[in-house]
Amino acid sequence: MARLPGKNRPSLLRHLRLAILFLLALVVASVIGNRSLIRLYQMHRDRATLEREIDQLTAANASLAEEVRTLRTDPARVEAIAREELGLVKPGELVYEFRPTAPPEESR
């Protein structure tokens, strides 16, 4: 028996529909869900933000480590901080304090 050309057509259409449904399901799954392309993009953006923050914190940490090293090795720096921030003076030094004067009052 020979196959009729019309008999093979419904089987081909059914396979084509199944393939289209499968591809559509793949597209939907890749866009929606926990492992979606949108979530992947958000995670990539978050990673870039965190890497920038790590770089900033690393630079701040290096700056603070340098400040600690300076304070441990440079007595002049410790003295400058004691004078500026704590108002300390060496024995025998004279301290001159200049207090701001009150602004002149306007008469009415």
N, C-alpha and C. Protein backbone atom coordinates (compact mmCIF):
# COMPACT_ATOMS: atom_id res chain seq x y z
N MET A 1 0.82 -1.18 0.00
CA MET A 1 0.00 0.00 0.00
C MET A 1 0.86 1.24 0.00
N ALA A 2 0.49 2.15 -0.78
CA ALA A 2 1.20 3.40 -0.89
C ALA A 2 0.59 4.42 0.05
N ARG A 3 1.45 5.27 0.57
CA ARG A 3 0.96 6.32 1.48
C ARG A 3 0.33 7.44 0.68
N LEU A 4 -0.69 7.94 1.24
CA LEU A 4 -1.32 9.09 0.59
C LEU A 4 -0.66 10.36 1.12
N PRO A 5 -0.47 11.35 0.25
CA PRO A 5 0.20 12.57 0.68
C PRO A 5 -0.55 13.29 1.80
N GLY A 6 -1.81 13.21 1.90
CA GLY A 6 -2.58 13.88 2.92
C GLY A 6 -2.50 13.22 4.28
N LYS A 7 -2.22 11.96 4.37
CA LYS A 7 -2.16 11.23 5.63
C LYS A 7 -0.96 11.64 6.47
N ASN A 8 0.15 11.98 5.86
CA ASN A 8 1.38 12.35 6.57
C ASN A 8 1.28 13.78 7.11
N ARG A 9 0.43 14.56 6.55
CA ARG A 9 0.30 15.97 6.92
C ARG A 9 -0.16 16.17 8.37
N PRO A 10 -1.18 15.49 8.90
CA PRO A 10 -1.58 15.70 10.29
C PRO A 10 -0.48 15.34 11.27
N SER A 11 0.28 14.32 10.99
CA SER A 11 1.37 13.94 11.87
C SER A 11 2.44 15.03 11.90
N LEU A 12 2.74 15.61 10.75
CA LEU A 12 3.73 16.69 10.66
C LEU A 12 3.23 17.93 11.41
N LEU A 13 1.97 18.26 11.25
CA LEU A 13 1.41 19.42 11.95
C LEU A 13 1.42 19.19 13.46
N ARG A 14 1.13 17.98 13.89
CA ARG A 14 1.14 17.68 15.33
C ARG A 14 2.55 17.83 15.89
N HIS A 15 3.55 17.34 15.16
CA HIS A 15 4.94 17.48 15.60
C HIS A 15 5.37 18.94 15.61
N LEU A 16 4.94 19.68 14.62
CA LEU A 16 5.26 21.11 14.55
C LEU A 16 4.63 21.86 15.72
N ARG A 17 3.37 21.54 16.05
CA ARG A 17 2.71 22.17 17.19
C ARG A 17 3.43 21.83 18.50
N LEU A 18 3.81 20.58 18.64
CA LEU A 18 4.54 20.18 19.84
C LEU A 18 5.88 20.92 19.95
N ALA A 19 6.57 21.07 18.84
CA ALA A 19 7.85 21.78 18.84
C ALA A 19 7.65 23.24 19.21
N ILE A 20 6.61 23.86 18.66
CA ILE A 20 6.31 25.27 18.97
C ILE A 20 5.95 25.42 20.44
N LEU A 21 5.13 24.52 20.97
CA LEU A 21 4.77 24.58 22.38
C LEU A 21 6.00 24.40 23.28
N PHE A 22 6.86 23.48 22.88
CA PHE A 22 8.09 23.25 23.65
C PHE A 22 8.97 24.50 23.63
N LEU A 23 9.15 25.11 22.47
CA LEU A 23 9.96 26.33 22.37
C LEU A 23 9.33 27.48 23.16
N LEU A 24 8.01 27.57 23.10
CA LEU A 24 7.32 28.61 23.86
C LEU A 24 7.51 28.39 25.36
N ALA A 25 7.43 27.14 25.79
CA ALA A 25 7.67 26.83 27.21
C ALA A 25 9.09 27.19 27.61
N LEU A 26 10.06 26.94 26.75
CA LEU A 26 11.46 27.31 27.04
C LEU A 26 11.62 28.82 27.16
N VAL A 27 10.98 29.55 26.26
CA VAL A 27 11.07 31.02 26.31
C VAL A 27 10.45 31.55 27.59
N VAL A 28 9.30 31.04 27.95
CA VAL A 28 8.63 31.49 29.18
C VAL A 28 9.48 31.14 30.40
N ALA A 29 10.05 29.95 30.42
CA ALA A 29 10.88 29.53 31.56
C ALA A 29 12.15 30.37 31.65
N SER A 30 12.68 30.81 30.51
CA SER A 30 13.91 31.60 30.55
C SER A 30 13.66 33.05 30.95
N VAL A 31 12.43 33.51 30.85
CA VAL A 31 12.11 34.89 31.21
C VAL A 31 11.54 34.98 32.62
N ILE A 32 10.81 33.97 33.04
CA ILE A 32 10.14 34.00 34.34
C ILE A 32 10.77 32.94 35.24
N GLY A 33 10.88 33.25 36.51
CA GLY A 33 11.35 32.25 37.47
C GLY A 33 12.63 32.66 38.15
N ASN A 34 13.10 31.80 39.03
CA ASN A 34 14.29 32.09 39.84
C ASN A 34 15.57 32.08 39.01
N ARG A 35 15.61 31.29 37.96
CA ARG A 35 16.80 31.20 37.11
C ARG A 35 16.55 31.87 35.76
N SER A 36 15.78 32.91 35.75
CA SER A 36 15.40 33.57 34.51
C SER A 36 16.48 34.54 34.05
N LEU A 37 16.32 35.00 32.84
CA LEU A 37 17.26 35.99 32.30
C LEU A 37 17.18 37.30 33.06
N ILE A 38 15.97 37.66 33.49
CA ILE A 38 15.80 38.89 34.27
C ILE A 38 16.54 38.78 35.60
N ARG A 39 16.39 37.65 36.26
CA ARG A 39 17.09 37.43 37.54
C ARG A 39 18.59 37.40 37.32
N LEU A 40 19.04 36.81 36.23
CA LEU A 40 20.46 36.77 35.91
C LEU A 40 21.00 38.19 35.71
N TYR A 41 20.25 39.03 35.02
CA TYR A 41 20.66 40.42 34.82
C TYR A 41 20.73 41.16 36.15
N GLN A 42 19.73 40.96 37.03
CA GLN A 42 19.74 41.61 38.34
C GLN A 42 20.94 41.15 39.17
N MET A 43 21.23 39.87 39.13
CA MET A 43 22.37 39.35 39.88
C MET A 43 23.69 39.91 39.34
N HIS A 44 23.79 40.06 38.04
CA HIS A 44 24.99 40.65 37.43
C HIS A 44 25.16 42.10 37.88
N ARG A 45 24.05 42.83 37.90
CA ARG A 45 24.08 44.23 38.33
C ARG A 45 24.46 44.33 39.81
N ASP A 46 23.89 43.45 40.65
CA ASP A 46 24.21 43.43 42.07
C ASP A 46 25.68 43.09 42.30
N ARG A 47 26.19 42.16 41.51
CA ARG A 47 27.59 41.78 41.63
C ARG A 47 28.51 42.97 41.31
N ALA A 48 28.18 43.70 40.25
CA ALA A 48 28.99 44.87 39.89
C ALA A 48 28.96 45.91 41.00
N THR A 49 27.78 46.12 41.60
CA THR A 49 27.67 47.07 42.71
C THR A 49 28.50 46.63 43.90
N LEU A 50 28.44 45.35 44.22
CA LEU A 50 29.21 44.82 45.34
C LEU A 50 30.72 44.89 45.08
N GLU A 51 31.12 44.66 43.84
CA GLU A 51 32.55 44.77 43.52
C GLU A 51 33.04 46.21 43.67
N ARG A 52 32.21 47.19 43.27
CA ARG A 52 32.60 48.59 43.46
C ARG A 52 32.71 48.92 44.95
N GLU A 53 31.76 48.41 45.74
CA GLU A 53 31.79 48.65 47.18
C GLU A 53 33.02 48.00 47.82
N ILE A 54 33.38 46.81 47.36
CA ILE A 54 34.58 46.14 47.88
C ILE A 54 35.82 46.97 47.55
N ASP A 55 35.89 47.51 46.33
CA ASP A 55 37.03 48.34 45.95
C ASP A 55 37.13 49.58 46.84
N GLN A 56 35.99 50.21 47.11
CA GLN A 56 35.98 51.40 47.96
C GLN A 56 36.42 51.06 49.38
N LEU A 57 35.90 49.95 49.91
CA LEU A 57 36.27 49.55 51.27
C LEU A 57 37.73 49.13 51.36
N THR A 58 38.24 48.52 50.32
CA THR A 58 39.66 48.14 50.29
C THR A 58 40.54 49.38 50.32
N ALA A 59 40.16 50.39 49.55
CA ALA A 59 40.92 51.65 49.53
C ALA A 59 40.85 52.34 50.90
N ALA A 60 39.67 52.35 51.50
CA ALA A 60 39.52 52.97 52.83
C ALA A 60 40.34 52.20 53.86
N ASN A 61 40.35 50.89 53.76
CA ASN A 61 41.12 50.06 54.68
C ASN A 61 42.62 50.33 54.53
N ALA A 62 43.08 50.48 53.30
CA ALA A 62 44.49 50.78 53.08
C ALA A 62 44.86 52.15 53.65
N SER A 63 43.96 53.11 53.49
CA SER A 63 44.19 54.45 54.04
C SER A 63 44.28 54.40 55.57
N LEU A 64 43.38 53.66 56.19
CA LEU A 64 43.40 53.55 57.65
C LEU A 64 44.64 52.80 58.14
N ALA A 65 45.06 51.79 57.39
CA ALA A 65 46.28 51.05 57.76
C ALA A 65 47.50 51.97 57.69
N GLU A 66 47.53 52.85 56.69
CA GLU A 66 48.62 53.81 56.57
C GLU A 66 48.60 54.80 57.73
N GLU A 67 47.40 55.24 58.12
CA GLU A 67 47.27 56.15 59.26
C GLU A 67 47.75 55.49 60.55
N VAL A 68 47.42 54.21 60.74
CA VAL A 68 47.87 53.47 61.92
C VAL A 68 49.40 53.37 61.91
N ARG A 69 49.95 53.05 60.74
CA ARG A 69 51.42 52.94 60.64
C ARG A 69 52.08 54.28 60.96
N THR A 70 51.51 55.36 60.48
CA THR A 70 52.05 56.69 60.76
C THR A 70 51.98 57.01 62.24
N LEU A 71 50.86 56.71 62.87
CA LEU A 71 50.71 57.00 64.30
C LEU A 71 51.67 56.16 65.15
N ARG A 72 51.99 54.96 64.70
CA ARG A 72 52.90 54.12 65.47
C ARG A 72 54.36 54.50 65.29
N THR A 73 54.70 55.13 64.17
CA THR A 73 56.11 55.39 63.88
C THR A 73 56.48 56.87 63.91
N ASP A 74 55.53 57.78 63.90
CA ASP A 74 55.84 59.21 63.80
C ASP A 74 55.33 59.95 65.03
N PRO A 75 56.21 60.21 66.01
CA PRO A 75 55.78 60.92 67.21
C PRO A 75 55.29 62.34 66.92
N ALA A 76 55.80 62.96 65.88
CA ALA A 76 55.36 64.32 65.54
C ALA A 76 53.89 64.33 65.13
N ARG A 77 53.46 63.28 64.46
CA ARG A 77 52.06 63.20 64.06
C ARG A 77 51.16 63.02 65.29
N VAL A 78 51.60 62.20 66.24
CA VAL A 78 50.84 62.01 67.48
C VAL A 78 50.75 63.33 68.24
N GLU A 79 51.86 64.06 68.28
CA GLU A 79 51.86 65.36 68.97
C GLU A 79 50.91 66.33 68.28
N ALA A 80 50.92 66.35 66.96
CA ALA A 80 50.03 67.27 66.22
C ALA A 80 48.56 66.96 66.52
N ILE A 81 48.22 65.69 66.57
CA ILE A 81 46.84 65.32 66.87
C ILE A 81 46.49 65.71 68.30
N ALA A 82 47.42 65.49 69.24
CA ALA A 82 47.17 65.85 70.64
C ALA A 82 46.95 67.36 70.77
N ARG A 83 47.69 68.14 70.03
CA ARG A 83 47.53 69.60 70.09
C ARG A 83 46.23 70.05 69.43
N GLU A 84 45.95 69.52 68.24
CA GLU A 84 44.79 69.99 67.48
C GLU A 84 43.46 69.49 68.06
N GLU A 85 43.39 68.20 68.37
CA GLU A 85 42.10 67.63 68.77
C GLU A 85 41.86 67.66 70.27
N LEU A 86 42.93 67.56 71.06
CA LEU A 86 42.76 67.51 72.51
C LEU A 86 43.14 68.82 73.20
N GLY A 87 43.78 69.72 72.46
CA GLY A 87 44.17 71.02 73.03
C GLY A 87 45.31 70.92 74.04
N LEU A 88 46.13 69.89 73.94
CA LEU A 88 47.25 69.72 74.88
C LEU A 88 48.41 70.63 74.51
N VAL A 89 49.18 71.01 75.53
CA VAL A 89 50.37 71.84 75.32
C VAL A 89 51.53 71.23 76.10
N LYS A 90 52.72 71.59 75.68
CA LYS A 90 53.92 71.11 76.39
C LYS A 90 54.10 71.94 77.65
N PRO A 91 54.73 71.36 78.65
CA PRO A 91 55.00 72.14 79.87
C PRO A 91 55.85 73.37 79.53
N GLY A 92 55.46 74.50 80.09
CA GLY A 92 56.20 75.74 79.87
C GLY A 92 55.70 76.56 78.70
N GLU A 93 54.83 76.02 77.87
CA GLU A 93 54.31 76.79 76.74
C GLU A 93 53.20 77.72 77.21
N LEU A 94 53.09 78.85 76.55
CA LEU A 94 52.01 79.79 76.84
C LEU A 94 50.89 79.57 75.84
N VAL A 95 49.68 79.63 76.34
CA VAL A 95 48.52 79.44 75.49
C VAL A 95 47.78 80.77 75.40
N TYR A 96 47.56 81.20 74.18
CA TYR A 96 46.80 82.42 73.95
C TYR A 96 45.45 82.00 73.38
N GLU A 97 44.39 82.39 74.07
CA GLU A 97 43.04 82.09 73.59
C GLU A 97 42.42 83.36 73.07
N PHE A 98 41.89 83.28 71.89
CA PHE A 98 41.20 84.41 71.28
C PHE A 98 39.73 84.04 71.18
N ARG A 99 38.94 84.74 71.95
CA ARG A 99 37.51 84.47 71.95
C ARG A 99 36.83 85.43 70.98
N PRO A 100 35.86 84.93 70.27
CA PRO A 100 35.17 85.82 69.32
C PRO A 100 34.37 86.87 70.07
N THR A 101 34.36 88.05 69.53
CA THR A 101 33.60 89.13 70.15
C THR A 101 32.16 89.06 69.66
N ALA A 102 31.26 89.57 70.49
CA ALA A 102 29.86 89.57 70.11
C ALA A 102 29.64 90.61 69.02
N PRO A 103 28.82 90.28 68.02
CA PRO A 103 28.58 91.27 66.98
C PRO A 103 27.85 92.48 67.53
N PRO A 104 28.15 93.66 67.02
CA PRO A 104 27.49 94.86 67.54
C PRO A 104 25.98 94.79 67.30
N GLU A 105 25.23 95.20 68.33
CA GLU A 105 23.77 95.18 68.22
C GLU A 105 23.30 96.40 67.45
N GLU A 106 22.30 96.15 66.64
CA GLU A 106 21.74 97.27 65.85
C GLU A 106 20.72 98.01 66.72
N SER A 107 20.78 99.33 66.70
CA SER A 107 19.80 100.11 67.45
C SER A 107 18.63 100.45 66.55
N ARG A 108 17.45 100.48 67.14
CA ARG A 108 16.25 100.78 66.37
C ARG A 108 15.77 102.14 66.63
